[in-house]
Amino acid sequence: MQVYDTPEAIEAYRQRVLLKGLEAELRGMKLSRGRSCYSIIKEEFGLKGSKQKVYDQLKKALTK
């Protein structure tokens, strides 16, 4: 079990969770009653396009 105890590690984990959430949304799932991962990612990262395009862009950005 890994502990994320620094702000950088917590943010990196959060970004990976958002990516996985968007992947689930692409498959038709809804993860919460609030905002979608898609809308959060678009706002925070300034990405534009369809869910698939935003997913591809974020995945590329996180794997650098």
N, C-alpha and C. Protein backbone atom coordinates (compact mmCIF):
# COMPACT_ATOMS: atom_id res chain seq x y z
N MET A 1 0.85 -1.18 0.00
CA MET A 1 0.00 0.00 0.00
C MET A 1 0.88 1.24 0.00
N GLN A 2 0.57 2.15 -0.88
CA GLN A 2 1.36 3.36 -1.00
C GLN A 2 0.63 4.52 -0.32
N VAL A 3 1.41 5.38 0.34
CA VAL A 3 0.84 6.54 1.01
C VAL A 3 1.21 7.78 0.21
N TYR A 4 0.18 8.56 -0.09
CA TYR A 4 0.40 9.82 -0.81
C TYR A 4 0.30 10.94 0.21
N ASP A 5 1.45 11.43 0.67
CA ASP A 5 1.45 12.38 1.76
C ASP A 5 2.03 13.75 1.41
N THR A 6 2.37 13.96 0.15
CA THR A 6 2.84 15.27 -0.26
C THR A 6 1.80 15.88 -1.21
N PRO A 7 1.71 17.19 -1.26
CA PRO A 7 0.74 17.81 -2.17
C PRO A 7 0.93 17.39 -3.62
N GLU A 8 2.16 17.22 -4.05
CA GLU A 8 2.42 16.80 -5.44
C GLU A 8 1.92 15.39 -5.70
N ALA A 9 2.14 14.49 -4.75
CA ALA A 9 1.70 13.11 -4.91
C ALA A 9 0.17 13.02 -4.90
N ILE A 10 -0.46 13.81 -4.04
CA ILE A 10 -1.92 13.82 -3.97
C ILE A 10 -2.51 14.35 -5.28
N GLU A 11 -1.94 15.41 -5.83
CA GLU A 11 -2.42 15.97 -7.09
C GLU A 11 -2.21 15.00 -8.24
N ALA A 12 -1.08 14.31 -8.27
CA ALA A 12 -0.82 13.33 -9.33
C ALA A 12 -1.83 12.19 -9.26
N TYR A 13 -2.14 11.74 -8.04
CA TYR A 13 -3.13 10.68 -7.86
C TYR A 13 -4.51 11.16 -8.32
N ARG A 14 -4.88 12.38 -7.95
CA ARG A 14 -6.16 12.96 -8.34
C ARG A 14 -6.30 13.04 -9.85
N GLN A 15 -5.23 13.42 -10.53
CA GLN A 15 -5.26 13.50 -11.98
C GLN A 15 -5.48 12.13 -12.60
N ARG A 16 -4.83 11.09 -12.03
CA ARG A 16 -5.03 9.73 -12.55
C ARG A 16 -6.46 9.25 -12.31
N VAL A 17 -7.04 9.64 -11.16
CA VAL A 17 -8.42 9.26 -10.87
C VAL A 17 -9.38 9.94 -11.84
N LEU A 18 -9.13 11.21 -12.14
CA LEU A 18 -9.96 11.91 -13.12
C LEU A 18 -9.88 11.25 -14.49
N LEU A 19 -8.68 10.82 -14.87
CA LEU A 19 -8.50 10.13 -16.15
C LEU A 19 -9.30 8.83 -16.18
N LYS A 20 -9.23 8.06 -15.11
CA LYS A 20 -9.99 6.80 -15.03
C LYS A 20 -11.49 7.07 -15.01
N GLY A 21 -11.89 8.16 -14.34
CA GLY A 21 -13.30 8.52 -14.32
C GLY A 21 -13.81 8.88 -15.69
N LEU A 22 -13.00 9.61 -16.44
CA LEU A 22 -13.39 9.96 -17.81
C LEU A 22 -13.45 8.71 -18.68
N GLU A 23 -12.56 7.78 -18.45
CA GLU A 23 -12.59 6.51 -19.19
C GLU A 23 -13.91 5.79 -18.93
N ALA A 24 -14.35 5.78 -17.68
CA ALA A 24 -15.63 5.16 -17.34
C ALA A 24 -16.79 5.91 -17.99
N GLU A 25 -16.72 7.24 -18.02
CA GLU A 25 -17.76 8.02 -18.66
C GLU A 25 -17.83 7.72 -20.16
N LEU A 26 -16.71 7.46 -20.78
CA LEU A 26 -16.70 7.10 -22.20
C LEU A 26 -17.46 5.79 -22.43
N ARG A 27 -17.47 4.94 -21.43
CA ARG A 27 -18.16 3.64 -21.55
C ARG A 27 -19.62 3.73 -21.13
N GLY A 28 -20.07 4.94 -20.74
CA GLY A 28 -21.48 5.11 -20.41
C GLY A 28 -21.80 5.18 -18.93
N MET A 29 -20.80 5.10 -18.08
CA MET A 29 -21.06 5.15 -16.64
C MET A 29 -21.10 6.60 -16.16
N LYS A 30 -21.80 6.80 -15.08
CA LYS A 30 -21.84 8.10 -14.43
C LYS A 30 -21.30 7.90 -13.02
N LEU A 31 -20.27 8.67 -12.66
CA LEU A 31 -19.58 8.41 -11.41
C LEU A 31 -20.09 9.21 -10.22
N SER A 32 -20.81 10.29 -10.47
CA SER A 32 -21.30 11.07 -9.34
C SER A 32 -22.57 11.81 -9.73
N ARG A 33 -23.21 12.40 -8.72
CA ARG A 33 -24.40 13.18 -8.99
C ARG A 33 -24.03 14.63 -9.27
N GLY A 34 -22.81 14.99 -9.04
CA GLY A 34 -22.34 16.34 -9.28
C GLY A 34 -21.75 16.49 -10.67
N ARG A 35 -20.68 17.23 -10.76
CA ARG A 35 -20.03 17.47 -12.05
C ARG A 35 -19.34 16.21 -12.56
N SER A 36 -19.31 16.10 -13.87
CA SER A 36 -18.65 14.95 -14.48
C SER A 36 -17.14 15.15 -14.50
N CYS A 37 -16.42 14.07 -14.61
CA CYS A 37 -14.96 14.15 -14.75
C CYS A 37 -14.61 14.93 -16.01
N TYR A 38 -15.40 14.76 -17.03
CA TYR A 38 -15.20 15.46 -18.30
C TYR A 38 -15.22 16.97 -18.09
N SER A 39 -16.21 17.48 -17.37
CA SER A 39 -16.31 18.92 -17.16
C SER A 39 -15.19 19.44 -16.25
N ILE A 40 -14.81 18.66 -15.25
CA ILE A 40 -13.72 19.06 -14.35
C ILE A 40 -12.41 19.15 -15.12
N ILE A 41 -12.13 18.15 -15.94
CA ILE A 41 -10.90 18.10 -16.72
C ILE A 41 -10.84 19.26 -17.71
N LYS A 42 -11.95 19.50 -18.41
CA LYS A 42 -11.98 20.60 -19.38
C LYS A 42 -11.68 21.93 -18.69
N GLU A 43 -12.26 22.16 -17.53
CA GLU A 43 -12.06 23.42 -16.83
C GLU A 43 -10.64 23.55 -16.28
N GLU A 44 -10.15 22.52 -15.61
CA GLU A 44 -8.85 22.61 -14.93
C GLU A 44 -7.67 22.57 -15.88
N PHE A 45 -7.78 21.83 -16.97
CA PHE A 45 -6.67 21.67 -17.89
C PHE A 45 -6.82 22.51 -19.15
N GLY A 46 -7.98 23.13 -19.34
CA GLY A 46 -8.21 23.97 -20.50
C GLY A 46 -8.27 23.19 -21.81
N LEU A 47 -8.71 21.95 -21.74
CA LEU A 47 -8.80 21.12 -22.94
C LEU A 47 -10.15 21.31 -23.61
N LYS A 48 -10.18 21.08 -24.90
CA LYS A 48 -11.41 21.24 -25.68
C LYS A 48 -11.61 20.03 -26.56
N GLY A 49 -12.86 19.76 -26.88
CA GLY A 49 -13.18 18.67 -27.79
C GLY A 49 -14.16 17.70 -27.17
N SER A 50 -14.35 16.60 -27.87
CA SER A 50 -15.25 15.55 -27.41
C SER A 50 -14.62 14.83 -26.22
N LYS A 51 -15.41 13.97 -25.58
CA LYS A 51 -14.87 13.21 -24.45
C LYS A 51 -13.65 12.40 -24.85
N GLN A 52 -13.72 11.77 -26.02
CA GLN A 52 -12.60 10.95 -26.48
C GLN A 52 -11.36 11.79 -26.73
N LYS A 53 -11.53 12.95 -27.36
CA LYS A 53 -10.38 13.82 -27.63
C LYS A 53 -9.77 14.35 -26.34
N VAL A 54 -10.62 14.74 -25.38
CA VAL A 54 -10.12 15.23 -24.10
C VAL A 54 -9.39 14.11 -23.37
N TYR A 55 -9.94 12.90 -23.41
CA TYR A 55 -9.28 11.74 -22.79
C TYR A 55 -7.89 11.51 -23.40
N ASP A 56 -7.82 11.52 -24.72
CA ASP A 56 -6.54 11.30 -25.40
C ASP A 56 -5.52 12.38 -25.04
N GLN A 57 -5.97 13.64 -25.00
CA GLN A 57 -5.08 14.74 -24.67
C GLN A 57 -4.55 14.64 -23.24
N LEU A 58 -5.45 14.32 -22.29
CA LEU A 58 -5.05 14.22 -20.90
C LEU A 58 -4.12 13.03 -20.68
N LYS A 59 -4.44 11.92 -21.31
CA LYS A 59 -3.58 10.74 -21.17
C LYS A 59 -2.18 11.02 -21.68
N LYS A 60 -2.09 11.70 -22.80
CA LYS A 60 -0.79 12.07 -23.37
C LYS A 60 -0.05 13.00 -22.42
N ALA A 61 -0.77 13.97 -21.83
CA ALA A 61 -0.14 14.93 -20.92
C ALA A 61 0.36 14.26 -19.64
N LEU A 62 -0.38 13.27 -19.16
CA LEU A 62 0.01 12.62 -17.90
C LEU A 62 1.11 11.58 -18.07
N THR A 63 1.30 11.10 -19.30
CA THR A 63 2.34 10.09 -19.51
C THR A 63 3.68 10.68 -19.93
N LYS A 64 3.77 11.99 -19.98
CA LYS A 64 5.04 12.62 -20.35
C LYS A 64 6.04 12.48 -19.25
